[in-house]
Amino acid sequence: MKHTKTILITAIMALLSLSSRTETRGAEGEQKPMISVSAEAAIKVVPDLIVVRLGVQTSEMESPDALYQTHSAKVTAVIEALKKEGIHTRDIKTDHFGMAPYSKEYKTGNKRYYAAQKSIACTIREPAILEKVLKAAFTSGATHLQGIVFKTTELRKHRDTVRLNAMKAAKEKADLLTGALGVKTGKPISISENYWNDSGYWTWGFSFWDSYGRREYQSQNSSQARNSGGGTEEAAEGLGQITISSRVNVSFAIE
């Protein structure tokens, strides 16, 4: 008999526990009234850092050895010119070296030549000397301007500013909408952010030779739109200003 009572008490306790959990889940599963809004903020800042990418091209050389010597001398001359304009050695980088044969057609037949190209990137820490640097580079042997990127060294500071502005705008927007319905904006439930640094660096590019070995020049002007999402952190717009933007999505409880 005692054993039977123990089993009965255990069963009753199990049923009570199950009922309690069911009621809790029901309460938690209720859809709470809320409002979701999006807001955006942006500021424009003056860049204090510029990265310039130059191309040095050498062509119409009849032997690879002569091409290499002539091309190396031109690259060295450009680097030395950049240094004379105040660009530190640590701020000058070279990459993307290419060499290939090609042919030119004459009345007497085709003649084989060799061409080479190398890229030089330099960081300018005094934006005011940009024009002088470009002039020196092209005077000393640079042949292409492959790209210019404007940056700011205070990106974190400016990004935090636009984030706060965007959040304030989201709260004001939510208050306006809930107020129109006679209710109040409660505590935030969820927050997400997307930020852009309006692209805008100006680029000029070219392909040096095509699949048939003939030299080919292709130029393009590209301006990345704000929402394009490239691997660039800042962009120049208007009179050399960088636009830094942030967009937030916030859900608030309704009281």
Protein backbone atom coordinates (compact mmCIF):
# COMPACT_ATOMS: atom_id res chain seq x y z
CA MET A 1 0.00 0.00 0.00
CA LYS A 2 2.79 2.37 0.92
CA HIS A 3 4.51 1.57 -2.36
CA THR A 4 1.31 2.37 -4.29
CA LYS A 5 0.99 5.79 -2.56
CA THR A 6 4.58 6.63 -3.46
CA ILE A 7 3.95 5.87 -7.15
CA LEU A 8 0.75 7.97 -7.10
CA ILE A 9 2.49 10.99 -5.51
CA THR A 10 5.34 10.76 -8.06
CA ALA A 11 2.87 10.68 -10.97
CA ILE A 12 0.97 13.73 -9.64
CA MET A 13 4.23 15.69 -9.23
CA ALA A 14 5.26 14.81 -12.81
CA LEU A 15 1.90 16.04 -14.17
CA LEU A 16 2.17 19.30 -12.22
CA SER A 17 5.72 19.85 -13.54
CA LEU A 18 4.61 19.22 -17.14
CA SER A 19 1.67 21.61 -16.74
CA SER A 20 3.96 24.31 -15.36
CA ARG A 21 6.39 23.98 -18.28
CA THR A 22 3.52 24.11 -20.81
CA GLU A 23 2.13 27.32 -19.28
CA THR A 24 5.62 28.88 -19.28
CA ARG A 25 6.20 28.05 -22.92
CA GLY A 26 2.81 29.49 -23.78
CA ALA A 27 3.64 32.77 -22.04
CA GLU A 28 7.06 32.98 -23.68
CA GLY A 29 5.61 32.19 -27.11
CA GLU A 30 3.24 35.15 -27.08
CA GLN A 31 3.98 37.74 -29.78
CA LYS A 32 4.96 40.98 -28.07
CA PRO A 33 4.00 44.18 -29.90
CA MET A 34 7.04 45.88 -31.39
CA ILE A 35 8.12 48.33 -34.09
CA SER A 36 11.11 47.94 -36.45
CA VAL A 37 12.76 50.97 -38.06
CA SER A 38 15.82 51.73 -40.18
CA ALA A 39 17.85 54.92 -40.09
CA GLU A 40 20.99 56.22 -41.75
CA ALA A 41 23.57 58.89 -40.96
CA ALA A 42 26.59 60.21 -42.87
CA ILE A 43 29.38 62.73 -42.44
CA LYS A 44 32.00 64.15 -44.80
CA VAL A 45 35.61 64.49 -43.70
CA VAL A 46 38.77 65.79 -45.34
CA PRO A 47 41.27 62.99 -46.17
CA ASP A 48 44.69 63.15 -44.55
CA LEU A 49 46.21 60.16 -46.37
CA ILE A 50 46.44 59.43 -50.11
CA VAL A 51 47.59 56.21 -51.79
CA VAL A 52 48.70 56.60 -55.41
CA ARG A 53 49.27 53.63 -57.71
CA LEU A 54 51.50 54.26 -60.73
CA GLY A 55 52.46 52.11 -63.70
CA VAL A 56 55.83 52.09 -65.46
CA GLN A 57 55.78 50.68 -68.98
CA THR A 58 58.65 49.89 -71.34
CA SER A 59 58.13 48.58 -74.87
CA GLU A 60 59.65 48.11 -78.32
CA MET A 61 62.77 46.40 -76.97
CA GLU A 62 64.31 43.75 -79.20
CA SER A 63 65.69 41.47 -76.47
CA PRO A 64 64.55 40.44 -72.99
CA ASP A 65 67.91 41.42 -71.45
CA ALA A 66 67.82 44.93 -72.90
CA LEU A 67 64.18 45.27 -71.82
CA TYR A 68 64.94 44.25 -68.26
CA GLN A 69 67.86 46.68 -67.89
CA THR A 70 65.99 49.61 -69.42
CA HIS A 71 62.81 48.92 -67.49
CA SER A 72 64.64 48.50 -64.15
CA ALA A 73 66.38 51.84 -64.69
CA LYS A 74 63.03 53.57 -65.32
CA VAL A 75 61.46 52.07 -62.19
CA THR A 76 64.46 53.14 -60.10
CA ALA A 77 64.25 56.67 -61.50
CA VAL A 78 60.58 56.96 -60.55
CA ILE A 79 61.23 55.73 -57.02
CA GLU A 80 64.08 58.20 -56.55
CA ALA A 81 61.86 61.03 -57.81
CA LEU A 82 59.19 60.10 -55.25
CA LYS A 83 61.77 60.17 -52.47
CA LYS A 84 62.92 63.65 -53.52
CA GLU A 85 59.35 64.87 -53.10
CA GLY A 86 59.33 63.73 -49.48
CA ILE A 87 57.88 60.22 -49.78
CA HIS A 88 59.59 57.95 -47.26
CA THR A 89 61.08 54.64 -48.41
CA ARG A 90 58.67 52.69 -46.19
CA ASP A 91 55.76 54.30 -48.04
CA ILE A 92 56.88 53.12 -51.48
CA LYS A 93 56.00 49.59 -52.64
CA THR A 94 56.43 47.81 -55.99
CA ASP A 95 54.49 44.86 -57.34
CA HIS A 96 52.80 43.39 -60.40
CA PHE A 97 55.77 42.98 -62.74
CA GLY A 98 54.94 41.61 -66.17
CA MET A 99 56.92 40.88 -69.35
CA ALA A 100 55.76 39.49 -72.70
CA PRO A 101 56.66 39.41 -76.41
CA TYR A 102 54.52 40.96 -79.11
CA SER A 103 54.76 41.62 -82.84
CA LYS A 104 54.42 44.70 -85.01
CA GLU A 105 53.58 44.54 -88.65
CA TYR A 106 55.71 46.43 -91.18
CA LYS A 107 55.75 46.49 -94.97
CA THR A 108 58.76 44.19 -94.89
CA GLY A 109 57.05 41.78 -92.49
CA ASN A 110 56.47 41.28 -88.78
CA LYS A 111 59.04 42.19 -86.18
CA ARG A 112 59.21 40.74 -82.68
CA TYR A 113 59.50 43.04 -79.66
CA TYR A 114 59.30 42.73 -75.88
CA ALA A 115 57.36 44.80 -73.37
CA ALA A 116 57.31 45.08 -69.57
CA GLN A 117 55.17 46.76 -66.94
CA LYS A 118 55.50 47.26 -63.19
CA SER A 119 53.30 48.97 -60.59
CA ILE A 120 54.50 51.34 -57.89
CA ALA A 121 52.30 52.31 -54.95
CA CYS A 122 53.18 55.24 -52.71
CA THR A 123 51.49 56.65 -49.63
CA ILE A 124 51.31 60.44 -49.39
CA ARG A 125 50.95 61.68 -45.81
CA GLU A 126 50.70 65.34 -46.82
CA PRO A 127 47.76 65.64 -49.26
CA ALA A 128 48.89 69.12 -50.34
CA ILE A 129 51.87 67.67 -52.25
CA LEU A 130 49.80 65.29 -54.41
CA GLU A 131 50.17 67.30 -57.60
CA LYS A 132 53.92 67.71 -57.13
CA VAL A 133 54.32 63.99 -56.56
CA LEU A 134 52.38 63.11 -59.71
CA LYS A 135 54.35 65.59 -61.78
CA ALA A 136 57.66 64.21 -60.51
CA ALA A 137 56.56 60.63 -61.13
CA PHE A 138 55.54 61.20 -64.76
CA THR A 139 58.53 63.39 -65.49
CA SER A 140 60.89 60.66 -64.31
CA GLY A 141 59.31 57.80 -66.26
CA ALA A 142 55.90 56.73 -64.92
CA THR A 143 53.48 56.06 -67.79
CA HIS A 144 50.14 55.27 -66.14
CA LEU A 145 48.07 56.47 -63.21
CA GLN A 146 46.40 53.26 -62.11
CA GLY A 147 44.54 54.55 -59.09
CA ILE A 148 44.19 57.11 -56.31
CA VAL A 149 42.64 56.30 -52.93
CA PHE A 150 41.81 58.97 -50.36
CA LYS A 151 41.80 57.88 -46.71
CA THR A 152 41.47 59.19 -43.17
CA THR A 153 43.59 58.08 -40.22
CA GLU A 154 40.67 58.81 -37.87
CA LEU A 155 38.26 56.34 -39.41
CA ARG A 156 37.24 54.78 -36.08
CA LYS A 157 36.40 58.18 -34.59
CA HIS A 158 34.25 59.22 -37.55
CA ARG A 159 32.60 55.81 -37.82
CA ASP A 160 31.55 55.92 -34.16
CA THR A 161 30.09 59.38 -34.74
CA VAL A 162 27.86 58.23 -37.60
CA ARG A 163 26.82 55.16 -35.63
CA LEU A 164 25.57 57.31 -32.75
CA ASN A 165 23.82 59.67 -35.16
CA ALA A 166 22.12 56.75 -36.89
CA MET A 167 20.91 55.32 -33.57
CA LYS A 168 19.51 58.69 -32.50
CA ALA A 169 17.71 58.96 -35.83
CA ALA A 170 16.24 55.47 -35.39
CA LYS A 171 14.89 56.32 -31.91
CA GLU A 172 13.39 59.59 -33.15
CA LYS A 173 11.76 57.78 -36.05
CA ALA A 174 10.28 55.12 -33.77
CA ASP A 175 8.97 57.78 -31.35
CA LEU A 176 7.32 59.63 -34.23
CA LEU A 177 5.56 56.52 -35.52
CA THR A 178 4.41 55.19 -32.15
CA GLY A 179 3.29 58.65 -31.05
CA ALA A 180 1.04 58.90 -34.08
CA LEU A 181 -0.79 55.78 -32.81
CA GLY A 182 -1.04 56.91 -29.20
CA VAL A 183 1.50 54.42 -27.82
CA LYS A 184 5.09 54.71 -26.60
CA THR A 185 8.41 53.31 -27.75
CA GLY A 186 9.81 50.80 -25.27
CA LYS A 187 13.22 49.21 -24.83
CA PRO A 188 15.19 48.03 -27.88
CA ILE A 189 14.78 44.35 -28.69
CA SER A 190 17.34 43.94 -31.48
CA ILE A 191 19.96 46.10 -33.23
CA SER A 192 21.90 45.48 -36.44
CA GLU A 193 24.18 47.73 -38.47
CA ASN A 194 25.50 48.14 -41.98
CA TYR A 195 28.07 50.80 -42.72
CA TRP A 196 29.63 52.07 -45.89
CA ASN A 197 32.42 54.48 -46.70
CA ASP A 198 31.11 55.89 -49.89
CA SER A 199 33.48 54.54 -52.42
CA GLY A 200 34.79 56.91 -54.60
CA TYR A 201 38.14 56.45 -55.16
CA TRP A 202 38.91 57.18 -58.77
CA THR A 203 40.70 54.44 -60.71
CA TRP A 204 42.28 54.20 -64.11
CA GLY A 205 43.35 50.78 -65.32
CA PHE A 206 44.74 49.07 -68.36
CA SER A 207 45.60 45.61 -69.60
CA PHE A 208 49.07 45.41 -71.04
CA TRP A 209 48.65 42.63 -73.53
CA ASP A 210 45.90 40.32 -74.67
CA SER A 211 45.88 36.56 -75.18
CA TYR A 212 47.42 36.90 -78.65
CA GLY A 213 50.50 38.68 -77.40
CA ARG A 214 49.53 42.02 -78.93
CA ARG A 215 49.69 45.09 -76.72
CA GLU A 216 46.33 46.46 -75.79
CA TYR A 217 45.35 49.49 -73.78
CA GLN A 218 42.07 49.64 -71.95
CA SER A 219 41.10 52.56 -69.75
CA GLN A 220 38.11 52.98 -67.55
CA ASN A 221 36.80 55.47 -65.09
CA SER A 222 34.95 53.74 -62.29
CA SER A 223 33.13 55.29 -59.37
CA GLN A 224 31.87 52.76 -56.85
CA ALA A 225 28.39 53.53 -55.52
CA ARG A 226 27.80 53.80 -51.80
CA ASN A 227 26.06 50.48 -51.35
CA SER A 228 28.34 48.45 -53.61
CA GLY A 229 30.47 47.00 -50.78
CA GLY A 230 34.03 46.80 -52.18
CA GLY A 231 37.23 46.12 -50.04
CA THR A 232 37.78 49.77 -49.75
CA GLU A 233 37.42 51.42 -46.34
CA GLU A 234 37.02 55.16 -47.45
CA ALA A 235 36.13 57.10 -50.58
CA ALA A 236 36.52 60.55 -51.96
CA GLU A 237 33.57 62.54 -53.13
CA GLY A 238 33.04 66.12 -54.25
CA LEU A 239 36.00 68.34 -53.45
CA GLY A 240 38.20 65.59 -52.07
CA GLN A 241 35.95 64.75 -49.13
CA ILE A 242 35.36 61.27 -47.74
CA THR A 243 31.79 60.26 -46.96
CA ILE A 244 31.41 57.79 -44.09
CA SER A 245 27.92 56.31 -43.62
CA SER A 246 26.15 53.97 -41.24
CA ARG A 247 22.71 52.35 -41.44
CA VAL A 248 21.06 50.71 -38.44
CA ASN A 249 18.01 48.47 -38.10
CA VAL A 250 16.40 48.57 -34.66
CA SER A 251 13.34 46.82 -33.21
CA PHE A 252 11.70 48.44 -30.16
CA ALA A 253 9.02 47.09 -27.84
CA ILE A 254 5.74 49.03 -27.87
CA GLU A 255 4.35 50.11 -24.51
